[in-house]
Amino acid sequence: MIRTRFAPSPTGYLHIGGARTALFSWAYARKHGGQFVLRIEDTDQERSTQASVQAILDGLAWLGIDWDEGPFYQMERLDRYKTVADQLIAEGKAYHCYASKEELDALREGQRARGEKPRYDGRWRPEVDKILPEPPVGVTPVIRFKTPRAGAVTFNDLIKGPITVANSELDDLVIMRGDGVPTYNFGVVIDDWDMGISHVIRGDDHVNNTPRQVNILNALGAPVPIYGHVPMILGHDGERLSKRHGAVSVLQYQEDGYLPEALMNYLARLGWGHGDAEKFSKDEFIEWFDLAGVSHAPGRFNQEKLAWLNQQYLKEADNARLAELTSPFLAKQGIDTVGGPALADLMALLKERTATVEELADAAHIFYRHNLATVEELQTRLETAALPAFEQLQVEMNSVVWEADVLNRLVKDTAKAFGLKMGQIGVPLRLVLFGTGHTPSLDATLVALGREETLRRFAAAWPHALAALQAKGD
């Protein structure tokens, strides 16, 4: 059975790069009827936090990435790592190293000064006919893996192709720290072995770790997973992805009003493709996904493209669902919807013109809060010649059937009767009723606002509009 995993370190939020790695790993398992395992690599005790763990779990859940097993925590498995490390020592495949930090710093400094690659020199490595010094008193040793001196490691990366690294390029890495906590390269090997991981799909910043991990697996007689290293994500300008490019927490996109299916779709297309398909469902993604479609080049994160895609999903989203998502945004902004039009009814009217749920909430303000237009706007768009037409509209609106086509005809007929163009009546009417000259179609907006509220706003704002004209001296 194919078993993949996602193994984040809980030292921060779930960012875009991590989310895409999880998505690809999850989709590969789902495509092949396998299992997806979640593991939390929390051995960095200084930086790991429970808040970060929860942010990762919440981010995955929001995106719709579910897991079959886990989450497993490395700090709960320390006894297992110690057992395996002791086994390697007993078999002569690992050893204790008593070199101090100061010794190692001096070693590397000297190597750099000579133009050499900084690396451990094997001073505590047991060898035939080699006499080791007595262990210093009071020093807790680390455990180093005895990397083979000869030969090479070759693995067939599912994305990058065959990769070979000579063992002479590798030094004896630390696998257990003095405090009994495993290093990354050791913990991940034991975890993947114990959890039966068949395919490791991860970022290509781990390519250099893979030969080391393969050597440890071979030393243990453990099966070697199949590896696939996904190229990194860059900003739209080709620079390393950062917050200014949109590399924020996945949950920040939720807070900013993006739909999870839109972000998932966008991340799936970020370095992978299926023909010319830009927009597709979760089920289609699983059906189509394969690592052969993953680009060898880094993906480029484009915030505008994500916003466009989110807009497409908004247009198709159920209005009741959008209302439920929009409501918290309005509450946060201090907008009370009680007594106003049903929020779900407004979604159909507003979603064609917005890219995020937050923008939906902003667009809905005009139906729940009557803001007066500025004097400058009224003086620019309202003309004295149009005043009789507006007075007639107020009268007609008291009795006309409150339907879109009827209201549309009323406004047009009124403009025609007074020799006005639609711009001379439509925009000023929006300014009076909504405080802005930009709304969806006027007839639909009036229907949504309702007769009673329309007339109330007309009466409340009309004196302000007249005062603006008088101040202009028109």
Protein backbone atom coordinates (compact mmCIF):
# COMPACT_ATOMS: atom_id res chain seq x y z
CA MET A 1 0.00 0.00 0.00
CA ILE A 2 1.17 3.50 -0.81
CA ARG A 3 1.65 5.52 2.37
CA THR A 4 2.74 9.15 2.30
CA ARG A 5 3.19 11.66 5.08
CA PHE A 6 3.39 15.32 5.96
CA ALA A 7 5.78 16.09 8.79
CA PRO A 8 5.85 19.80 9.68
CA SER A 9 7.85 21.36 12.47
CA PRO A 10 5.52 23.34 14.78
CA THR A 11 7.74 26.41 15.01
CA GLY A 12 5.30 28.69 13.17
CA TYR A 13 2.16 28.72 11.07
CA LEU A 14 1.32 26.48 8.11
CA HIS A 15 2.68 28.56 5.22
CA ILE A 16 2.02 28.31 1.51
CA GLY A 17 5.04 26.12 0.75
CA GLY A 18 4.21 23.64 3.48
CA ALA A 19 0.56 23.54 2.48
CA ARG A 20 1.45 22.72 -1.13
CA THR A 21 3.82 19.93 -0.01
CA ALA A 22 1.05 18.49 2.16
CA LEU A 23 -1.42 18.80 -0.72
CA PHE A 24 0.78 16.93 -3.18
CA SER A 25 1.59 14.20 -0.67
CA TRP A 26 -2.08 13.85 0.29
CA ALA A 27 -3.27 13.79 -3.33
CA TYR A 28 -0.72 11.11 -4.26
CA ALA A 29 -2.02 8.84 -1.51
CA ARG A 30 -5.65 9.51 -2.37
CA LYS A 31 -5.04 8.97 -6.11
CA HIS A 32 -3.58 5.51 -5.47
CA GLY A 33 -6.00 4.43 -2.75
CA GLY A 34 -3.27 4.72 -0.14
CA GLN A 35 -2.98 6.34 3.26
CA PHE A 36 -1.79 9.75 4.38
CA VAL A 37 -0.04 10.13 7.73
CA LEU A 38 0.40 13.33 9.75
CA ARG A 39 3.48 13.63 11.93
CA ILE A 40 4.55 16.59 14.05
CA GLU A 41 8.34 16.96 14.26
CA ASP A 42 8.48 18.82 17.55
CA THR A 43 12.05 18.13 18.66
CA ASP A 44 13.00 21.82 18.51
CA GLN A 45 11.74 22.43 22.02
CA GLU A 46 12.83 26.06 22.15
CA ARG A 47 10.74 27.05 19.13
CA SER A 48 7.95 24.47 19.02
CA THR A 49 4.64 25.62 20.46
CA GLN A 50 1.20 24.14 20.93
CA ALA A 51 -0.25 27.21 19.22
CA SER A 52 1.76 26.34 16.10
CA VAL A 53 0.58 22.73 16.26
CA GLN A 54 -3.02 23.90 16.39
CA ALA A 55 -2.45 26.37 13.54
CA ILE A 56 -1.10 23.52 11.39
CA LEU A 57 -4.02 21.23 12.23
CA ASP A 58 -6.56 24.00 11.62
CA GLY A 59 -4.89 25.04 8.36
CA LEU A 60 -4.95 21.51 6.97
CA ALA A 61 -8.54 20.99 8.05
CA TRP A 62 -9.64 24.27 6.47
CA LEU A 63 -8.01 23.32 3.16
CA GLY A 64 -9.79 19.97 3.26
CA ILE A 65 -6.63 17.88 3.69
CA ASP A 66 -7.56 14.97 5.95
CA TRP A 67 -5.25 12.32 7.35
CA ASP A 68 -5.69 8.62 8.05
CA GLU A 69 -3.25 8.33 10.95
CA GLY A 70 -1.79 10.76 13.45
CA PRO A 71 -0.87 13.28 14.39
CA PHE A 72 2.19 11.51 15.82
CA TYR A 73 4.64 13.53 17.91
CA GLN A 74 8.38 12.86 17.92
CA MET A 75 8.83 13.95 21.54
CA GLU A 76 6.59 11.04 22.51
CA ARG A 77 8.95 8.60 20.76
CA LEU A 78 12.30 9.38 22.40
CA ASP A 79 12.69 5.87 23.81
CA ARG A 80 12.36 4.42 20.32
CA TYR A 81 15.12 6.65 18.90
CA LYS A 82 17.42 5.75 21.80
CA THR A 83 16.83 2.05 21.24
CA VAL A 84 17.74 2.25 17.57
CA ALA A 85 20.79 4.46 18.26
CA ASP A 86 22.03 1.97 20.86
CA GLN A 87 21.53 -0.82 18.33
CA LEU A 88 23.68 1.02 15.78
CA ILE A 89 26.42 1.54 18.38
CA ALA A 90 26.33 -2.13 19.31
CA GLU A 91 26.71 -3.08 15.64
CA GLY A 92 29.61 -0.68 15.13
CA LYS A 93 27.59 1.59 12.85
CA ALA A 94 27.47 4.59 15.20
CA TYR A 95 29.68 5.91 17.99
CA HIS A 96 29.93 8.42 20.81
CA CYS A 97 31.61 11.71 20.05
CA TYR A 98 32.94 13.90 22.86
CA ALA A 99 34.11 16.86 20.75
CA SER A 100 33.01 20.14 22.32
CA LYS A 101 31.32 22.95 20.47
CA GLU A 102 34.47 25.02 20.79
CA GLU A 103 36.58 22.25 19.26
CA LEU A 104 34.22 21.87 16.34
CA ASP A 105 34.01 25.63 15.75
CA ALA A 106 37.78 25.83 15.63
CA LEU A 107 37.91 22.83 13.28
CA ARG A 108 35.48 24.42 10.82
CA GLU A 109 37.16 27.81 11.04
CA GLY A 110 40.49 26.24 10.11
CA GLN A 111 38.93 24.32 7.23
CA ARG A 112 37.30 27.45 5.83
CA ALA A 113 40.58 29.36 6.15
CA ARG A 114 42.24 26.65 4.02
CA GLY A 115 39.45 26.79 1.47
CA GLU A 116 38.13 23.38 2.47
CA LYS A 117 34.54 22.25 2.91
CA PRO A 118 33.65 22.47 6.65
CA ARG A 119 33.03 18.96 7.93
CA TYR A 120 33.60 16.73 10.93
CA ASP A 121 37.03 15.10 10.75
CA GLY A 122 36.13 11.79 12.42
CA ARG A 123 38.31 12.36 15.47
CA TRP A 124 36.16 10.10 17.67
CA ARG A 125 35.32 7.61 14.91
CA PRO A 126 36.45 4.08 15.88
CA GLU A 127 38.77 2.52 13.32
CA VAL A 128 40.99 -0.54 13.17
CA ASP A 129 44.36 0.21 14.85
CA LYS A 130 43.14 3.66 15.86
CA ILE A 131 43.61 4.55 19.51
CA LEU A 132 40.95 6.88 20.82
CA PRO A 133 41.62 9.23 23.75
CA GLU A 134 39.99 8.67 27.11
CA PRO A 135 36.50 10.26 27.20
CA PRO A 136 36.67 13.58 29.06
CA VAL A 137 35.12 13.57 32.51
CA GLY A 138 31.74 15.26 32.86
CA VAL A 139 31.10 15.55 29.12
CA THR A 140 27.87 14.11 27.72
CA PRO A 141 28.62 12.78 24.24
CA VAL A 142 26.50 12.98 21.11
CA ILE A 143 26.04 9.94 18.90
CA ARG A 144 27.34 10.09 15.34
CA PHE A 145 26.45 7.80 12.45
CA LYS A 146 29.41 6.00 10.89
CA THR A 147 28.99 7.03 7.28
CA PRO A 148 30.55 4.59 4.79
CA ARG A 149 33.84 5.95 3.47
CA ALA A 150 33.60 4.28 0.06
CA GLY A 151 30.89 3.99 -2.55
CA ALA A 152 27.99 6.27 -3.33
CA VAL A 153 24.27 6.68 -2.71
CA THR A 154 22.00 6.62 -5.75
CA PHE A 155 18.26 7.17 -5.64
CA ASN A 156 15.71 7.79 -8.37
CA ASP A 157 13.86 10.97 -7.51
CA LEU A 158 10.31 10.86 -8.91
CA ILE A 159 10.59 14.51 -9.93
CA LYS A 160 14.29 15.21 -10.46
CA GLY A 161 15.34 11.84 -11.83
CA PRO A 162 18.42 9.78 -10.77
CA ILE A 163 20.69 11.43 -8.19
CA THR A 164 24.06 10.08 -7.08
CA VAL A 165 26.17 11.40 -4.20
CA ALA A 166 29.56 9.98 -3.28
CA ASN A 167 29.91 8.97 0.37
CA SER A 168 33.21 10.81 0.43
CA GLU A 169 31.14 14.02 0.24
CA LEU A 170 29.35 13.12 3.47
CA ASP A 171 30.72 13.30 7.00
CA ASP A 172 29.63 11.48 10.14
CA LEU A 173 26.44 13.28 11.07
CA VAL A 174 25.11 13.57 14.60
CA ILE A 175 22.04 11.39 15.03
CA MET A 176 21.41 11.86 18.78
CA ARG A 177 22.15 14.98 20.79
CA GLY A 178 23.51 14.84 24.30
CA ASP A 179 20.05 15.50 25.74
CA GLY A 180 18.66 12.32 24.15
CA VAL A 181 16.74 14.11 21.40
CA PRO A 182 17.28 12.90 17.82
CA THR A 183 18.48 15.19 15.06
CA TYR A 184 16.22 15.71 12.06
CA ASN A 185 17.95 13.20 9.79
CA PHE A 186 17.73 10.41 12.35
CA GLY A 187 14.25 11.04 13.69
CA VAL A 188 12.73 11.24 10.22
CA VAL A 189 14.37 7.96 9.16
CA ILE A 190 13.08 6.00 12.16
CA ASP A 191 9.62 7.54 11.84
CA ASP A 192 9.32 6.77 8.12
CA TRP A 193 10.48 3.21 8.79
CA ASP A 194 8.17 2.59 11.73
CA MET A 195 5.19 4.17 9.99
CA GLY A 196 5.66 2.23 6.78
CA ILE A 197 6.04 5.31 4.60
CA SER A 198 6.46 4.15 1.00
CA HIS A 199 6.74 7.55 -0.72
CA VAL A 200 8.32 10.70 0.70
CA ILE A 201 7.15 13.82 -1.15
CA ARG A 202 8.77 16.95 0.25
CA GLY A 203 10.47 20.22 -0.67
CA ASP A 204 13.70 20.13 -2.63
CA ASP A 205 15.52 21.80 0.25
CA HIS A 206 15.74 18.23 1.59
CA VAL A 207 17.55 16.76 -1.42
CA ASN A 208 20.91 17.00 0.35
CA ASN A 209 19.50 15.16 3.37
CA THR A 210 18.34 12.18 1.34
CA PRO A 211 21.73 10.43 0.83
CA ARG A 212 22.38 10.63 4.57
CA GLN A 213 18.97 9.16 5.32
CA VAL A 214 19.40 6.38 2.76
CA ASN A 215 22.71 5.40 4.39
CA ILE A 216 21.07 5.17 7.81
CA LEU A 217 18.19 3.08 6.42
CA ASN A 218 20.64 0.74 4.73
CA ALA A 219 22.59 0.39 7.97
CA LEU A 220 19.39 -0.63 9.72
CA GLY A 221 18.34 -3.03 6.98
CA ALA A 222 15.17 -0.97 6.60
CA PRO A 223 13.29 -0.42 3.32
CA VAL A 224 14.15 2.82 1.52
CA PRO A 225 11.13 4.93 0.55
CA ILE A 226 10.72 6.35 -2.92
CA TYR A 227 11.54 10.06 -2.87
CA GLY A 228 10.10 12.98 -4.79
CA HIS A 229 11.43 16.49 -4.15
CA VAL A 230 9.15 19.36 -5.14
CA PRO A 231 10.81 22.60 -6.36
CA MET A 232 10.42 25.61 -4.12
CA ILE A 233 7.96 28.47 -4.59
CA LEU A 234 9.24 31.90 -5.57
CA GLY A 235 7.54 35.26 -5.57
CA HIS A 236 6.13 36.69 -8.80
CA ASP A 237 9.41 38.58 -9.23
CA GLY A 238 11.54 35.43 -9.02
CA GLU A 239 12.81 36.24 -5.54
CA ARG A 240 12.54 33.94 -2.53
CA LEU A 241 8.95 33.83 -1.35
CA SER A 242 8.27 36.19 1.57
CA LYS A 243 5.36 37.90 3.29
CA ARG A 244 5.39 40.70 0.75
CA HIS A 245 4.58 38.10 -1.93
CA GLY A 246 1.68 36.66 0.08
CA ALA A 247 3.64 33.96 1.92
CA VAL A 248 1.54 34.19 5.03
CA SER A 249 -0.31 31.66 7.12
CA VAL A 250 -2.89 29.56 5.31
CA LEU A 251 -5.36 30.68 7.96
CA GLN A 252 -4.58 34.31 7.10
CA TYR A 253 -6.19 33.64 3.73
CA GLN A 254 -9.27 32.41 5.57
CA GLU A 255 -9.26 35.63 7.60
CA ASP A 256 -8.89 37.65 4.40
CA GLY A 257 -11.97 36.06 2.87
CA TYR A 258 -10.61 33.44 0.51
CA LEU A 259 -12.44 30.17 -0.05
CA PRO A 260 -10.51 27.00 0.83
CA GLU A 261 -11.33 25.32 -2.47
CA ALA A 262 -9.89 28.31 -4.34
CA LEU A 263 -6.62 28.25 -2.38
CA MET A 264 -6.35 24.48 -2.78
CA ASN A 265 -6.94 24.79 -6.53
CA TYR A 266 -4.33 27.55 -6.77
CA LEU A 267 -1.71 25.65 -4.78
CA ALA A 268 -2.29 22.56 -6.91
CA ARG A 269 -1.53 24.59 -10.06
CA LEU A 270 1.58 26.11 -8.48
CA GLY A 271 4.19 23.90 -10.08
CA TRP A 272 1.86 21.19 -11.38
CA GLY A 273 -0.54 21.11 -14.27
CA HIS A 274 -3.02 18.99 -16.17
CA GLY A 275 -3.17 20.28 -19.71
CA ASP A 276 -4.69 23.75 -19.82
CA ALA A 277 -7.00 23.20 -16.84
CA GLU A 278 -6.94 26.26 -14.55
CA LYS A 279 -9.97 25.54 -12.39
CA PHE A 280 -10.92 22.12 -11.11
CA SER A 281 -12.55 20.39 -8.17
CA LYS A 282 -10.85 18.45 -5.41
CA ASP A 283 -12.04 15.17 -6.96
CA GLU A 284 -10.68 16.15 -10.37
CA PHE A 285 -7.34 17.08 -8.83
CA ILE A 286 -7.04 13.70 -7.13
CA GLU A 287 -7.98 11.92 -10.36
CA TRP A 288 -5.48 13.87 -12.46
CA PHE A 289 -2.57 14.24 -10.05
CA ASP A 290 0.73 12.57 -10.82
CA LEU A 291 4.30 13.52 -9.99
CA ALA A 292 5.26 13.43 -13.66
CA GLY A 293 3.21 16.61 -14.03
CA VAL A 294 5.25 18.46 -11.39
CA SER A 295 7.51 21.07 -12.97
CA HIS A 296 11.27 20.90 -12.46
CA ALA A 297 11.32 24.70 -12.19
CA PRO A 298 10.20 26.66 -9.10
CA GLY A 299 6.60 27.81 -9.05
CA ARG A 300 5.85 31.54 -8.90
CA PHE A 301 3.25 32.79 -6.46
CA ASN A 302 0.93 35.39 -8.01
CA GLN A 303 -1.49 37.08 -5.63
CA GLU A 304 -3.55 38.53 -8.49
CA LYS A 305 -4.03 35.10 -10.05
CA LEU A 306 -5.18 33.72 -6.71
CA ALA A 307 -7.67 36.59 -6.32
CA TRP A 308 -9.01 35.96 -9.82
CA LEU A 309 -9.46 32.25 -9.10
CA ASN A 310 -11.17 33.01 -5.80
CA GLN A 311 -13.57 35.30 -7.63
CA GLN A 312 -14.54 32.45 -9.96
CA TYR A 313 -15.34 30.26 -6.99
CA LEU A 314 -17.30 33.06 -5.30
CA LYS A 315 -19.52 33.43 -8.35
CA GLU A 316 -20.43 29.74 -8.20
CA ALA A 317 -20.75 29.47 -4.41
CA ASP A 318 -24.07 28.82 -2.71
CA ASN A 319 -25.60 32.08 -1.48
CA ALA A 320 -26.55 30.68 1.91
CA ARG A 321 -22.97 29.51 2.46
CA LEU A 322 -21.61 32.91 1.42
CA ALA A 323 -23.99 34.62 3.81
CA GLU A 324 -22.74 32.43 6.64
CA LEU A 325 -19.13 33.28 5.75
CA THR A 326 -19.84 37.00 5.34
CA SER A 327 -21.72 37.44 8.61
CA PRO A 328 -18.61 37.32 10.88
CA PHE A 329 -16.88 39.94 8.72
CA LEU A 330 -19.84 42.28 9.08
CA ALA A 331 -20.00 41.69 12.83
CA LYS A 332 -16.27 42.41 13.12
CA GLN A 333 -16.82 45.65 11.23
CA GLY A 334 -19.64 46.67 13.56
CA ILE A 335 -22.42 46.21 11.00
CA ASP A 336 -25.77 45.10 12.43
CA THR A 337 -27.84 43.21 9.86
CA VAL A 338 -30.96 42.94 12.02
CA GLY A 339 -33.90 44.62 10.30
CA GLY A 340 -32.10 44.77 6.96
CA PRO A 341 -32.39 42.59 3.87
CA ALA A 342 -31.62 38.88 4.16
CA LEU A 343 -27.86 38.49 3.73
CA ALA A 344 -28.27 35.46 1.44
CA ASP A 345 -30.42 37.53 -0.93
CA LEU A 346 -27.64 40.11 -1.22
CA MET A 347 -25.00 37.52 -2.10
CA ALA A 348 -26.46 36.87 -5.55
CA LEU A 349 -26.42 40.61 -6.20
CA LEU A 350 -22.90 41.31 -4.90
CA LYS A 351 -20.75 38.26 -5.59
CA GLU A 352 -20.29 39.03 -9.29
CA ARG A 353 -18.38 42.18 -8.39
CA THR A 354 -16.14 40.94 -5.56
CA ALA A 355 -13.04 38.76 -5.25
CA THR A 356 -13.14 37.80 -1.56
CA VAL A 357 -15.65 37.30 1.24
CA GLU A 358 -14.21 40.38 2.93
CA GLU A 359 -15.03 42.41 -0.18
CA LEU A 360 -18.53 40.90 -0.11
CA ALA A 361 -18.94 42.20 3.43
CA ASP A 362 -17.65 45.64 2.41
CA ALA A 363 -20.09 45.73 -0.50
CA ALA A 364 -22.98 44.79 1.78
CA HIS A 365 -22.42 47.79 4.07
CA ILE A 366 -24.64 50.06 1.97
CA PHE A 367 -27.70 47.94 2.73
CA TYR A 368 -27.32 48.10 6.51
CA ARG A 369 -25.77 51.51 7.11
CA HIS A 370 -26.91 54.73 5.43
CA ASN A 371 -23.93 56.97 4.84
CA LEU A 372 -24.48 60.43 3.45
CA ALA A 373 -22.58 61.29 0.29
CA THR A 374 -19.96 63.97 0.52
CA VAL A 375 -20.94 67.52 -0.38
CA GLU A 376 -18.34 67.48 -3.15
CA GLU A 377 -19.83 64.37 -4.78
CA LEU A 378 -23.34 65.76 -4.63
CA GLN A 379 -22.26 69.09 -6.07
CA THR A 380 -20.50 67.28 -8.90
CA ARG A 381 -23.28 64.85 -9.86
CA LEU A 382 -26.58 66.44 -8.77
CA GLU A 383 -28.02 69.22 -10.92
CA THR A 384 -30.73 71.75 -10.11
CA ALA A 385 -32.45 70.81 -13.36
CA ALA A 386 -32.95 67.29 -12.04
CA LEU A 387 -34.66 68.26 -8.77
CA PRO A 388 -38.22 68.03 -10.13
CA ALA A 389 -37.49 64.53 -11.40
CA PHE A 390 -36.34 63.39 -7.95
CA GLU A 391 -39.41 64.89 -6.32
CA GLN A 392 -41.56 62.97 -8.80
CA LEU A 393 -39.63 59.76 -8.06
CA GLN A 394 -40.31 60.06 -4.34
CA VAL A 395 -44.01 60.29 -5.04
CA GLU A 396 -44.09 57.39 -7.52
CA MET A 397 -42.07 55.12 -5.25
CA ASN A 398 -44.81 55.17 -2.65
CA SER A 399 -47.19 53.19 -4.81
CA VAL A 400 -45.27 51.51 -7.64
CA VAL A 401 -45.00 47.71 -7.66
CA TRP A 402 -41.60 47.00 -6.03
CA GLU A 403 -40.08 44.77 -8.67
CA ALA A 404 -36.88 45.19 -10.65
CA ASP A 405 -38.40 45.62 -14.10
CA VAL A 406 -41.02 48.06 -12.83
CA LEU A 407 -38.43 50.15 -10.96
CA ASN A 408 -36.14 50.11 -13.98
CA ARG A 409 -38.92 51.43 -16.17
CA LEU A 410 -39.90 54.05 -13.58
CA VAL A 411 -36.39 55.54 -13.44
CA LYS A 412 -36.06 55.55 -17.24
CA ASP A 413 -39.51 57.05 -17.81
CA THR A 414 -38.89 59.74 -15.20
CA ALA A 415 -35.59 60.71 -16.79
CA LYS A 416 -37.22 60.86 -20.21
CA ALA A 417 -40.20 62.87 -18.97
CA PHE A 418 -37.88 65.58 -17.60
CA GLY A 419 -35.48 65.54 -20.53
CA LEU A 420 -32.62 63.99 -18.54
CA LYS A 421 -30.01 61.39 -19.38
CA MET A 422 -29.81 58.29 -17.19
CA GLY A 423 -26.49 59.47 -15.74
CA GLN A 424 -28.19 62.63 -14.50
CA ILE A 425 -30.62 60.63 -12.39
CA GLY A 426 -29.08 57.20 -11.76
CA VAL A 427 -25.80 58.28 -10.14
CA PRO A 428 -27.29 61.06 -7.97
CA LEU A 429 -29.99 58.64 -6.81
CA ARG A 430 -27.30 56.17 -5.71
CA LEU A 431 -25.49 58.97 -3.87
CA VAL A 432 -28.65 59.96 -2.01
CA LEU A 433 -29.69 56.42 -1.05
CA PHE A 434 -26.32 54.72 -0.55
CA GLY A 435 -23.72 57.44 -0.14
CA THR A 436 -21.80 56.11 -3.18
CA GLY A 437 -22.22 56.37 -6.90
CA HIS A 438 -21.11 52.77 -7.46
CA THR A 439 -23.56 49.96 -6.79
CA PRO A 440 -24.83 46.94 -8.70
CA SER A 441 -27.69 47.56 -11.14
CA LEU A 442 -29.95 50.23 -9.68
CA ASP A 443 -33.22 48.33 -10.03
CA ALA A 444 -31.86 45.20 -8.30
CA THR A 445 -30.24 47.30 -5.59
CA LEU A 446 -33.53 49.11 -4.89
CA VAL A 447 -35.40 45.81 -4.69
CA ALA A 448 -32.87 44.50 -2.18
CA LEU A 449 -33.07 47.67 -0.09
CA GLY A 450 -36.89 47.56 0.00
CA ARG A 451 -39.52 50.26 -0.41
CA GLU A 452 -39.71 51.31 3.24
CA GLU A 453 -35.97 51.76 3.69
CA THR A 454 -35.62 53.44 0.30
CA LEU A 455 -38.22 56.06 1.17
CA ARG A 456 -36.77 56.55 4.65
CA ARG A 457 -33.32 57.16 3.25
CA PHE A 458 -34.68 59.47 0.58
CA ALA A 459 -36.37 61.60 3.21
CA ALA A 460 -33.31 61.59 5.46
CA ALA A 461 -30.75 62.44 2.77
CA TRP A 462 -32.69 64.81 0.54
CA PRO A 463 -32.25 67.91 2.74
CA HIS A 464 -28.50 67.21 2.79
CA ALA A 465 -28.48 66.99 -1.02
CA LEU A 466 -30.42 70.27 -1.39
CA ALA A 467 -28.08 71.98 1.05
CA ALA A 468 -25.13 70.87 -1.04
CA LEU A 469 -26.66 72.43 -4.15
CA GLN A 470 -27.44 75.65 -2.33
CA ALA A 471 -23.87 75.87 -1.07
CA LYS A 472 -22.67 75.45 -4.64
CA GLY A 473 -24.88 78.33 -5.72
CA ASP A 474 -26.28 76.35 -8.60
